[in-house]
Amino acid sequence: MDADDDRPLDDHELGDAAREDEALAPTALRDEDRLALVCAYLGPLCLIPLFGSRDPFVRWHARQGGWLATAGAVVAIVLTPFDWLFSLVPFLDRLFFAAELLVALGYLMVVAMSVERALAGRRFRIPWLADLADQD
């Protein structure tokens, strides 16, 4: 709401926040859908729900999980030469290792939040990756 305007904001004005809170899941998730939603964020296992599920909610999470795993692999590949380079200097080695741990912890937090939101029947829209997941 604006200070000058007492009307509530519509979905267009809210943008991604409105789409994030959309309930797209069926009224009750089946056990196999719950298992597929967990697999959607476990790296290469995202292929199981991507090709094995007909539910669009599960397939969307599988696409986002696939993009998240791809982004994580790219980050790991890009950081590998720097890891080798910084290992030559003792202090920089420890500093870079701490930075790598923080990146890994952030990745795991995003995965955990995504799985939790998916099992609740909602979306956790990861910036840029959710836009890719929206494309069929």
C-alpha atoms as a PDB file:
ATOM      1  CA  MET A   1       0.000   0.000   0.000  1.00  0.00           C
ATOM      2  CA  ASP A   2       1.119   3.519  -0.698  1.00  0.00           C
ATOM      3  CA  ALA A   3       0.828   6.168   2.005  1.00  0.00           C
ATOM      4  CA  ASP A   4      -1.392   8.231  -0.309  1.00  0.00           C
ATOM      5  CA  ASP A   5      -3.523   5.334  -1.484  1.00  0.00           C
ATOM      6  CA  ASP A   6      -5.643   3.078   0.727  1.00  0.00           C
ATOM      7  CA  ARG A   7      -6.296   0.421  -1.890  1.00  0.00           C
ATOM      8  CA  PRO A   8      -4.469  -2.939  -1.639  1.00  0.00           C
ATOM      9  CA  LEU A   9      -1.818  -3.755  -4.224  1.00  0.00           C
ATOM     10  CA  ASP A  10      -2.845  -6.148  -6.981  1.00  0.00           C
ATOM     11  CA  ASP A  11      -0.804  -9.140  -8.213  1.00  0.00           C
ATOM     12  CA  HIS A  12       0.839  -7.106 -10.981  1.00  0.00           C
ATOM     13  CA  GLU A  13       2.158  -4.554  -8.500  1.00  0.00           C
ATOM     14  CA  LEU A  14       3.377  -7.248  -6.096  1.00  0.00           C
ATOM     15  CA  GLY A  15       5.401  -9.019  -8.797  1.00  0.00           C
ATOM     16  CA  ASP A  16       7.245 -12.200  -7.798  1.00  0.00           C
ATOM     17  CA  ALA A  17       6.055 -12.028  -4.197  1.00  0.00           C
ATOM     18  CA  ALA A  18       2.514 -12.803  -5.322  1.00  0.00           C
ATOM     19  CA  ARG A  19       3.639 -15.664  -7.532  1.00  0.00           C
ATOM     20  CA  GLU A  20       5.813 -17.115  -4.769  1.00  0.00           C
ATOM     21  CA  ASP A  21       2.862 -17.494  -2.452  1.00  0.00           C
ATOM     22  CA  GLU A  22       0.651 -19.159  -5.032  1.00  0.00           C
ATOM     23  CA  ALA A  23      -0.597 -22.482  -3.816  1.00  0.00           C
ATOM     24  CA  LEU A  24      -0.054 -24.704  -6.825  1.00  0.00           C
ATOM     25  CA  ALA A  25      -0.137 -28.069  -5.147  1.00  0.00           C
ATOM     26  CA  PRO A  26      -3.167 -30.261  -5.109  1.00  0.00           C
ATOM     27  CA  THR A  27      -5.215 -30.087  -1.941  1.00  0.00           C
ATOM     28  CA  ALA A  28      -3.359 -33.108  -0.562  1.00  0.00           C
ATOM     29  CA  LEU A  29       0.040 -34.297  -1.739  1.00  0.00           C
ATOM     30  CA  ARG A  30       0.364 -38.025  -2.220  1.00  0.00           C
ATOM     31  CA  ASP A  31       3.312 -39.856  -0.672  1.00  0.00           C
ATOM     32  CA  GLU A  32       4.890 -40.432  -4.082  1.00  0.00           C
ATOM     33  CA  ASP A  33       4.620 -36.703  -4.843  1.00  0.00           C
ATOM     34  CA  ARG A  34       6.321 -35.888  -1.531  1.00  0.00           C
ATOM     35  CA  LEU A  35       9.163 -38.268  -2.371  1.00  0.00           C
ATOM     36  CA  ALA A  36       9.426 -36.737  -5.842  1.00  0.00           C
ATOM     37  CA  LEU A  37       9.557 -33.228  -4.345  1.00  0.00           C
ATOM     38  CA  VAL A  38      12.460 -34.228  -2.100  1.00  0.00           C
ATOM     39  CA  CYS A  39      14.253 -35.863  -5.059  1.00  0.00           C
ATOM     40  CA  ALA A  40      13.730 -32.671  -7.068  1.00  0.00           C
ATOM     41  CA  TYR A  41      16.383 -30.883  -5.012  1.00  0.00           C
ATOM     42  CA  LEU A  42      18.918 -33.720  -4.702  1.00  0.00           C
ATOM     43  CA  GLY A  43      21.123 -32.983  -7.703  1.00  0.00           C
ATOM     44  CA  PRO A  44      20.874 -35.543 -10.501  1.00  0.00           C
ATOM     45  CA  LEU A  45      17.903 -37.203  -8.804  1.00  0.00           C
ATOM     46  CA  CYS A  46      15.818 -34.284 -10.101  1.00  0.00           C
ATOM     47  CA  LEU A  47      15.563 -36.231 -13.362  1.00  0.00           C
ATOM     48  CA  ILE A  48      13.276 -38.788 -11.682  1.00  0.00           C
ATOM     49  CA  PRO A  49      10.393 -36.377 -10.997  1.00  0.00           C
ATOM     50  CA  LEU A  50      11.161 -34.351 -14.114  1.00  0.00           C
ATOM     51  CA  PHE A  51      10.482 -37.281 -16.424  1.00  0.00           C
ATOM     52  CA  GLY A  52       8.391 -39.482 -14.127  1.00  0.00           C
ATOM     53  CA  SER A  53       5.742 -37.130 -12.779  1.00  0.00           C
ATOM     54  CA  ARG A  54       2.730 -35.730 -14.566  1.00  0.00           C
ATOM     55  CA  ASP A  55       1.936 -33.225 -11.816  1.00  0.00           C
ATOM     56  CA  PRO A  56       2.922 -29.697 -12.971  1.00  0.00           C
ATOM     57  CA  PHE A  57       3.734 -28.667  -9.386  1.00  0.00           C
ATOM     58  CA  VAL A  58       6.249 -31.501  -8.999  1.00  0.00           C
ATOM     59  CA  ARG A  59       7.704 -30.907 -12.461  1.00  0.00           C
ATOM     60  CA  TRP A  60       8.207 -27.179 -11.709  1.00  0.00           C
ATOM     61  CA  HIS A  61      10.162 -28.042  -8.570  1.00  0.00           C
ATOM     62  CA  ALA A  62      12.168 -30.635 -10.506  1.00  0.00           C
ATOM     63  CA  ARG A  63      13.091 -27.999 -13.107  1.00  0.00           C
ATOM     64  CA  GLN A  64      14.113 -25.492 -10.419  1.00  0.00           C
ATOM     65  CA  GLY A  65      16.064 -28.194  -8.557  1.00  0.00           C
ATOM     66  CA  GLY A  66      17.844 -29.129 -11.776  1.00  0.00           C
ATOM     67  CA  TRP A  67      18.849 -25.537 -12.422  1.00  0.00           C
ATOM     68  CA  LEU A  68      19.994 -25.195  -8.803  1.00  0.00           C
ATOM     69  CA  ALA A  69      22.168 -28.310  -9.094  1.00  0.00           C
ATOM     70  CA  THR A  70      23.599 -27.027 -12.383  1.00  0.00           C
ATOM     71  CA  ALA A  71      24.421 -23.655 -10.817  1.00  0.00           C
ATOM     72  CA  GLY A  72      26.076 -25.407  -7.865  1.00  0.00           C
ATOM     73  CA  ALA A  73      28.182 -27.550 -10.192  1.00  0.00           C
ATOM     74  CA  VAL A  74      29.254 -24.492 -12.212  1.00  0.00           C
ATOM     75  CA  VAL A  75      30.276 -22.665  -9.033  1.00  0.00           C
ATOM     76  CA  ALA A  76      32.281 -25.701  -7.893  1.00  0.00           C
ATOM     77  CA  ILE A  77      34.033 -25.973 -11.262  1.00  0.00           C
ATOM     78  CA  VAL A  78      34.847 -22.251 -11.327  1.00  0.00           C
ATOM     79  CA  LEU A  79      36.199 -22.297  -7.755  1.00  0.00           C
ATOM     80  CA  THR A  80      38.445 -25.345  -8.254  1.00  0.00           C
ATOM     81  CA  PRO A  81      41.383 -23.502  -9.934  1.00  0.00           C
ATOM     82  CA  PHE A  82      41.239 -20.794  -7.270  1.00  0.00           C
ATOM     83  CA  ASP A  83      41.315 -23.457  -4.575  1.00  0.00           C
ATOM     84  CA  TRP A  84      44.506 -24.846  -6.081  1.00  0.00           C
ATOM     85  CA  LEU A  85      46.000 -21.357  -6.501  1.00  0.00           C
ATOM     86  CA  PHE A  86      45.231 -20.225  -2.952  1.00  0.00           C
ATOM     87  CA  SER A  87      46.582 -23.481  -1.513  1.00  0.00           C
ATOM     88  CA  LEU A  88      50.074 -22.165  -2.304  1.00  0.00           C
ATOM     89  CA  VAL A  89      49.721 -19.406   0.308  1.00  0.00           C
ATOM     90  CA  PRO A  90      48.954 -20.743   3.823  1.00  0.00           C
ATOM     91  CA  PHE A  91      46.800 -17.866   5.114  1.00  0.00           C
ATOM     92  CA  LEU A  92      44.854 -17.441   1.861  1.00  0.00           C
ATOM     93  CA  ASP A  93      44.238 -21.180   1.818  1.00  0.00           C
ATOM     94  CA  ARG A  94      42.390 -21.045   5.136  1.00  0.00           C
ATOM     95  CA  LEU A  95      40.527 -17.886   4.178  1.00  0.00           C
ATOM     96  CA  PHE A  96      39.369 -19.337   0.866  1.00  0.00           C
ATOM     97  CA  PHE A  97      38.362 -22.596   2.549  1.00  0.00           C
ATOM     98  CA  ALA A  98      36.185 -20.608   4.981  1.00  0.00           C
ATOM     99  CA  ALA A  99      34.584 -18.785   2.044  1.00  0.00           C
ATOM    100  CA  GLU A 100      33.912 -22.116   0.315  1.00  0.00           C
ATOM    101  CA  LEU A 101      32.260 -23.432   3.478  1.00  0.00           C
ATOM    102  CA  LEU A 102      29.989 -20.385   3.624  1.00  0.00           C
ATOM    103  CA  VAL A 103      28.993 -20.863  -0.017  1.00  0.00           C
ATOM    104  CA  ALA A 104      28.258 -24.560   0.610  1.00  0.00           C
ATOM    105  CA  LEU A 105      26.237 -23.710   3.719  1.00  0.00           C
ATOM    106  CA  GLY A 106      24.230 -21.153   1.742  1.00  0.00           C
ATOM    107  CA  TYR A 107      23.556 -23.747  -0.963  1.00  0.00           C
ATOM    108  CA  LEU A 108      22.350 -26.267   1.625  1.00  0.00           C
ATOM    109  CA  MET A 109      20.111 -23.644   3.229  1.00  0.00           C
ATOM    110  CA  VAL A 110      18.496 -22.835  -0.127  1.00  0.00           C
ATOM    111  CA  VAL A 111      17.928 -26.559  -0.758  1.00  0.00           C
ATOM    112  CA  ALA A 112      16.394 -27.045   2.696  1.00  0.00           C
ATOM    113  CA  MET A 113      14.121 -24.024   2.312  1.00  0.00           C
ATOM    114  CA  SER A 114      13.042 -25.175  -1.151  1.00  0.00           C
ATOM    115  CA  VAL A 115      12.198 -28.685   0.050  1.00  0.00           C
ATOM    116  CA  GLU A 116      10.327 -27.355   3.078  1.00  0.00           C
ATOM    117  CA  ARG A 117       8.277 -24.954   0.963  1.00  0.00           C
ATOM    118  CA  ALA A 118       7.584 -27.646  -1.649  1.00  0.00           C
ATOM    119  CA  LEU A 119       6.344 -30.129   0.959  1.00  0.00           C
ATOM    120  CA  ALA A 120       4.043 -27.398   2.278  1.00  0.00           C
ATOM    121  CA  GLY A 121       2.529 -27.073  -1.196  1.00  0.00           C
ATOM    122  CA  ARG A 122       4.159 -23.751  -2.061  1.00  0.00           C
ATOM    123  CA  ARG A 123       7.003 -22.380  -4.150  1.00  0.00           C
ATOM    124  CA  PHE A 124      10.291 -20.937  -2.965  1.00  0.00           C
ATOM    125  CA  ARG A 125      11.294 -18.854  -5.978  1.00  0.00           C
ATOM    126  CA  ILE A 126      15.062 -18.725  -6.277  1.00  0.00           C
ATOM    127  CA  PRO A 127      16.002 -15.563  -8.218  1.00  0.00           C
ATOM    128  CA  TRP A 128      16.857 -16.230 -11.880  1.00  0.00           C
ATOM    129  CA  LEU A 129      16.470 -19.984 -11.485  1.00  0.00           C
ATOM    130  CA  ALA A 130      12.719 -19.765 -10.881  1.00  0.00           C
ATOM    131  CA  ASP A 131      12.368 -17.788 -14.102  1.00  0.00           C
ATOM    132  CA  LEU A 132      14.119 -20.607 -15.933  1.00  0.00           C
ATOM    133  CA  ALA A 133      11.878 -23.149 -14.192  1.00  0.00           C
ATOM    134  CA  ASP A 134       8.779 -21.236 -15.364  1.00  0.00           C
ATOM    135  CA  GLN A 135       9.716 -21.988 -18.953  1.00  0.00           C
ATOM    136  CA  ASP A 136       8.502 -25.368 -20.168  1.00  0.00           C
END
